[in-house]
Amino acid sequence: MDDEPGGFAPPAFRPDDALQTLQRELRALGLTEREGRFERRGTTIARAAVAGAVLQAARVKRPARTSPEWLEKTLKNGADVRSFVADLKAQLARWSDRDD
């Protein structure tokens, strides 16, 4: 029984693999990984961890050295991971423009 039109079903989401992909993407954005958190110039910017069958990710609302305010997102598929990375990339660009 196919629930997808044309008999195509996307591959099952593997949160462990998605976490590795996300880690690579965040490092490619120039972030440094430290204990499950990703930093830029010593300021925590994002975090990600596997939580059961999903990936829990978050980015800060604004870069802050102490007590950052987190914007949480549950990533349930590859499209969610790509969307999270694209959003973070755009936000990093806005923060960099403000810093210049």
N, C-alpha and C. Protein backbone atom coordinates (compact mmCIF):
# COMPACT_ATOMS: atom_id res chain seq x y z
N MET A 1 0.84 -1.18 0.00
CA MET A 1 0.00 0.00 0.00
C MET A 1 0.88 1.24 0.00
N ASP A 2 0.79 1.98 -1.03
CA ASP A 2 1.56 3.21 -1.14
C ASP A 2 0.70 4.40 -0.75
N ASP A 3 1.22 5.20 0.16
CA ASP A 3 0.54 6.43 0.54
C ASP A 3 0.98 7.59 -0.35
N GLU A 4 2.07 7.41 -1.04
CA GLU A 4 2.64 8.46 -1.88
C GLU A 4 2.16 8.30 -3.32
N PRO A 5 1.87 9.41 -4.00
CA PRO A 5 1.49 9.31 -5.42
C PRO A 5 2.63 8.72 -6.25
N GLY A 6 2.31 7.89 -7.17
CA GLY A 6 3.30 7.30 -8.06
C GLY A 6 4.13 6.21 -7.40
N GLY A 7 3.77 5.80 -6.20
CA GLY A 7 4.48 4.73 -5.52
C GLY A 7 5.83 5.12 -4.95
N PHE A 8 6.14 6.42 -4.91
CA PHE A 8 7.43 6.86 -4.38
C PHE A 8 7.28 7.25 -2.91
N ALA A 9 8.12 6.70 -2.09
CA ALA A 9 8.14 7.08 -0.66
C ALA A 9 9.55 7.55 -0.33
N PRO A 10 9.67 8.69 0.33
CA PRO A 10 11.01 9.16 0.68
C PRO A 10 11.67 8.19 1.65
N PRO A 11 13.00 8.18 1.68
CA PRO A 11 13.68 7.27 2.61
C PRO A 11 13.33 7.63 4.05
N ALA A 12 13.38 6.63 4.90
CA ALA A 12 13.09 6.86 6.32
C ALA A 12 14.08 7.86 6.90
N PHE A 13 13.59 8.73 7.77
CA PHE A 13 14.44 9.73 8.41
C PHE A 13 15.27 9.05 9.49
N ARG A 14 16.57 9.24 9.39
CA ARG A 14 17.50 8.69 10.39
C ARG A 14 18.11 9.85 11.14
N PRO A 15 17.67 10.11 12.38
CA PRO A 15 18.13 11.28 13.10
C PRO A 15 19.64 11.30 13.33
N ASP A 16 20.27 10.14 13.54
CA ASP A 16 21.72 10.11 13.75
C ASP A 16 22.46 10.59 12.50
N ASP A 17 22.02 10.12 11.33
CA ASP A 17 22.63 10.56 10.07
C ASP A 17 22.35 12.04 9.82
N ALA A 18 21.13 12.46 10.15
CA ALA A 18 20.76 13.86 9.96
C ALA A 18 21.61 14.77 10.87
N LEU A 19 21.91 14.30 12.08
CA LEU A 19 22.75 15.08 12.98
C LEU A 19 24.15 15.25 12.40
N GLN A 20 24.70 14.19 11.83
CA GLN A 20 26.02 14.29 11.20
C GLN A 20 26.00 15.27 10.03
N THR A 21 24.96 15.21 9.23
CA THR A 21 24.82 16.14 8.12
C THR A 21 24.71 17.57 8.63
N LEU A 22 23.89 17.77 9.64
CA LEU A 22 23.72 19.10 10.22
C LEU A 22 25.03 19.62 10.79
N GLN A 23 25.77 18.78 11.47
CA GLN A 23 27.07 19.19 12.03
C GLN A 23 28.01 19.64 10.92
N ARG A 24 28.06 18.89 9.82
CA ARG A 24 28.91 19.27 8.68
C ARG A 24 28.48 20.61 8.11
N GLU A 25 27.18 20.79 7.94
CA GLU A 25 26.66 22.03 7.38
C GLU A 25 26.98 23.23 8.28
N LEU A 26 26.85 23.06 9.59
CA LEU A 26 27.12 24.15 10.51
C LEU A 26 28.61 24.49 10.54
N ARG A 27 29.45 23.48 10.45
CA ARG A 27 30.90 23.75 10.38
C ARG A 27 31.23 24.47 9.07
N ALA A 28 30.53 24.12 8.00
CA ALA A 28 30.75 24.78 6.70
C ALA A 28 30.35 26.26 6.77
N LEU A 29 29.46 26.60 7.68
CA LEU A 29 29.06 28.00 7.87
C LEU A 29 30.07 28.77 8.72
N GLY A 30 31.13 28.08 9.15
CA GLY A 30 32.16 28.75 9.93
C GLY A 30 31.97 28.64 11.43
N LEU A 31 31.04 27.79 11.87
CA LEU A 31 30.81 27.62 13.29
C LEU A 31 31.73 26.54 13.84
N THR A 32 32.10 26.69 15.09
CA THR A 32 32.96 25.73 15.77
C THR A 32 32.10 24.91 16.73
N GLU A 33 32.27 23.59 16.69
CA GLU A 33 31.48 22.72 17.56
C GLU A 33 32.18 22.51 18.89
N ARG A 34 31.40 22.64 19.96
CA ARG A 34 31.92 22.39 21.30
C ARG A 34 30.78 21.82 22.15
N GLU A 35 30.89 20.54 22.50
CA GLU A 35 29.93 19.85 23.37
C GLU A 35 28.48 19.97 22.89
N GLY A 36 28.25 19.73 21.60
CA GLY A 36 26.91 19.76 21.06
C GLY A 36 26.37 21.15 20.75
N ARG A 37 27.19 22.15 20.98
CA ARG A 37 26.81 23.53 20.67
C ARG A 37 27.76 24.05 19.60
N PHE A 38 27.26 25.00 18.83
CA PHE A 38 28.04 25.57 17.75
C PHE A 38 28.23 27.05 18.01
N GLU A 39 29.48 27.48 17.93
CA GLU A 39 29.84 28.85 18.30
C GLU A 39 30.46 29.61 17.14
N ARG A 40 30.34 30.92 17.23
CA ARG A 40 31.05 31.82 16.33
C ARG A 40 31.71 32.87 17.22
N ARG A 41 33.02 32.95 17.12
CA ARG A 41 33.81 33.88 17.92
C ARG A 41 33.52 33.77 19.41
N GLY A 42 33.36 32.53 19.90
CA GLY A 42 33.16 32.29 21.32
C GLY A 42 31.73 32.48 21.80
N THR A 43 30.82 32.81 20.91
CA THR A 43 29.42 33.01 21.28
C THR A 43 28.59 31.86 20.72
N THR A 44 27.81 31.21 21.58
CA THR A 44 26.98 30.10 21.15
C THR A 44 25.90 30.59 20.20
N ILE A 45 25.76 29.90 19.07
CA ILE A 45 24.81 30.28 18.02
C ILE A 45 23.73 29.21 17.83
N ALA A 46 24.09 27.93 17.90
CA ALA A 46 23.14 26.85 17.63
C ALA A 46 23.49 25.63 18.46
N ARG A 47 22.52 24.73 18.54
CA ARG A 47 22.74 23.43 19.19
C ARG A 47 21.85 22.41 18.52
N ALA A 48 22.24 21.14 18.64
CA ALA A 48 21.44 20.07 18.04
C ALA A 48 21.73 18.76 18.76
N ALA A 49 20.69 17.94 18.90
CA ALA A 49 20.84 16.63 19.53
C ALA A 49 19.70 15.72 19.07
N VAL A 50 19.98 14.43 19.03
CA VAL A 50 18.98 13.44 18.67
C VAL A 50 18.06 13.25 19.88
N ALA A 51 16.76 13.23 19.63
CA ALA A 51 15.77 13.00 20.68
C ALA A 51 14.76 11.99 20.14
N GLY A 52 15.04 10.73 20.36
CA GLY A 52 14.17 9.67 19.85
C GLY A 52 14.26 9.58 18.34
N ALA A 53 13.12 9.72 17.66
CA ALA A 53 13.07 9.58 16.20
C ALA A 53 13.20 10.92 15.48
N VAL A 54 13.53 11.98 16.22
CA VAL A 54 13.67 13.31 15.62
C VAL A 54 14.99 13.95 16.05
N LEU A 55 15.25 15.07 15.45
CA LEU A 55 16.44 15.85 15.78
C LEU A 55 15.95 17.16 16.38
N GLN A 56 16.38 17.46 17.60
CA GLN A 56 16.03 18.72 18.25
C GLN A 56 17.15 19.70 17.95
N ALA A 57 16.79 20.81 17.33
CA ALA A 57 17.77 21.84 16.99
C ALA A 57 17.27 23.18 17.50
N ALA A 58 18.19 24.09 17.69
CA ALA A 58 17.81 25.43 18.14
C ALA A 58 18.89 26.40 17.69
N ARG A 59 18.46 27.65 17.49
CA ARG A 59 19.40 28.73 17.24
C ARG A 59 19.05 29.85 18.19
N VAL A 60 20.02 30.70 18.47
CA VAL A 60 19.76 31.81 19.37
C VAL A 60 18.96 32.89 18.64
N LYS A 61 18.17 33.60 19.42
CA LYS A 61 17.42 34.72 18.85
C LYS A 61 18.38 35.84 18.48
N ARG A 62 19.32 36.10 19.39
CA ARG A 62 20.39 37.08 19.17
C ARG A 62 21.65 36.53 19.83
N PRO A 63 22.81 36.73 19.22
CA PRO A 63 24.04 36.28 19.88
C PRO A 63 24.22 36.99 21.22
N ALA A 64 24.51 36.21 22.25
CA ALA A 64 24.74 36.76 23.59
C ALA A 64 25.74 35.87 24.32
N ARG A 65 26.63 36.46 25.03
CA ARG A 65 27.64 35.69 25.76
C ARG A 65 27.04 34.92 26.93
N THR A 66 25.99 35.46 27.56
CA THR A 66 25.38 34.78 28.70
C THR A 66 23.89 34.59 28.45
N SER A 67 23.36 33.50 28.91
CA SER A 67 21.92 33.18 28.85
C SER A 67 21.25 33.52 27.53
N PRO A 68 21.65 32.85 26.44
CA PRO A 68 20.99 33.14 25.15
C PRO A 68 19.53 32.70 25.16
N GLU A 69 18.71 33.40 24.39
CA GLU A 69 17.31 33.03 24.22
C GLU A 69 17.23 32.12 22.99
N TRP A 70 16.71 30.90 23.18
CA TRP A 70 16.71 29.89 22.12
C TRP A 70 15.41 29.85 21.34
N LEU A 71 15.52 29.64 20.05
CA LEU A 71 14.39 29.37 19.17
C LEU A 71 14.49 27.90 18.78
N GLU A 72 13.66 27.07 19.41
CA GLU A 72 13.71 25.61 19.23
C GLU A 72 12.98 25.18 17.96
N LYS A 73 13.48 24.09 17.37
CA LYS A 73 12.82 23.53 16.19
C LYS A 73 13.03 22.02 16.20
N THR A 74 11.97 21.27 15.94
CA THR A 74 12.05 19.82 15.82
C THR A 74 12.20 19.49 14.35
N LEU A 75 13.27 18.77 14.02
CA LEU A 75 13.55 18.40 12.64
C LEU A 75 13.13 16.94 12.44
N LYS A 76 12.15 16.72 11.54
CA LYS A 76 11.58 15.39 11.36
C LYS A 76 11.93 14.75 10.03
N ASN A 77 12.59 15.55 9.14
CA ASN A 77 12.94 15.01 7.83
C ASN A 77 14.06 15.86 7.23
N GLY A 78 14.56 15.42 6.11
CA GLY A 78 15.66 16.11 5.45
C GLY A 78 15.32 17.54 5.07
N ALA A 79 14.07 17.79 4.68
CA ALA A 79 13.66 19.14 4.31
C ALA A 79 13.73 20.07 5.52
N ASP A 80 13.36 19.56 6.69
CA ASP A 80 13.45 20.37 7.92
C ASP A 80 14.90 20.74 8.22
N VAL A 81 15.82 19.79 8.02
CA VAL A 81 17.25 20.04 8.26
C VAL A 81 17.74 21.12 7.30
N ARG A 82 17.41 20.99 6.03
CA ARG A 82 17.83 21.98 5.04
C ARG A 82 17.25 23.36 5.35
N SER A 83 16.00 23.41 5.78
CA SER A 83 15.35 24.66 6.13
C SER A 83 16.03 25.31 7.34
N PHE A 84 16.38 24.51 8.33
CA PHE A 84 17.06 25.03 9.52
C PHE A 84 18.40 25.64 9.14
N VAL A 85 19.16 24.94 8.30
CA VAL A 85 20.48 25.43 7.87
C VAL A 85 20.32 26.72 7.05
N ALA A 86 19.35 26.75 6.15
CA ALA A 86 19.14 27.95 5.31
C ALA A 86 18.75 29.14 6.18
N ASP A 87 17.88 28.92 7.15
CA ASP A 87 17.46 29.99 8.06
C ASP A 87 18.65 30.50 8.88
N LEU A 88 19.44 29.58 9.39
CA LEU A 88 20.60 29.98 10.19
C LEU A 88 21.62 30.72 9.32
N LYS A 89 21.84 30.27 8.11
CA LYS A 89 22.77 30.94 7.20
C LYS A 89 22.33 32.38 6.94
N ALA A 90 21.04 32.56 6.69
CA ALA A 90 20.51 33.91 6.46
C ALA A 90 20.66 34.77 7.71
N GLN A 91 20.39 34.19 8.87
CA GLN A 91 20.51 34.94 10.12
C GLN A 91 21.97 35.31 10.39
N LEU A 92 22.89 34.41 10.15
CA LEU A 92 24.32 34.71 10.32
C LEU A 92 24.73 35.87 9.43
N ALA A 93 24.23 35.91 8.21
CA ALA A 93 24.55 36.99 7.29
C ALA A 93 24.01 38.32 7.82
N ARG A 94 22.80 38.31 8.36
CA ARG A 94 22.23 39.54 8.93
C ARG A 94 23.04 40.01 10.14
N TRP A 95 23.44 39.08 11.00
CA TRP A 95 24.24 39.45 12.16
C TRP A 95 25.59 40.01 11.72
N SER A 96 26.21 39.39 10.71
CA SER A 96 27.51 39.86 10.21
C SER A 96 27.40 41.24 9.61
N ASP A 97 26.32 41.49 8.85
CA ASP A 97 26.10 42.82 8.26
C ASP A 97 25.98 43.89 9.35
N ARG A 98 25.33 43.55 10.44
CA ARG A 98 25.16 44.47 11.54
C ARG A 98 26.49 44.75 12.24
N ASP A 99 27.36 43.72 12.29
CA ASP A 99 28.65 43.84 12.95
C ASP A 99 29.64 44.69 12.17
N ASP A 100 29.46 44.73 10.82
CA ASP A 100 30.41 45.45 9.95
C ASP A 100 30.22 46.95 10.02
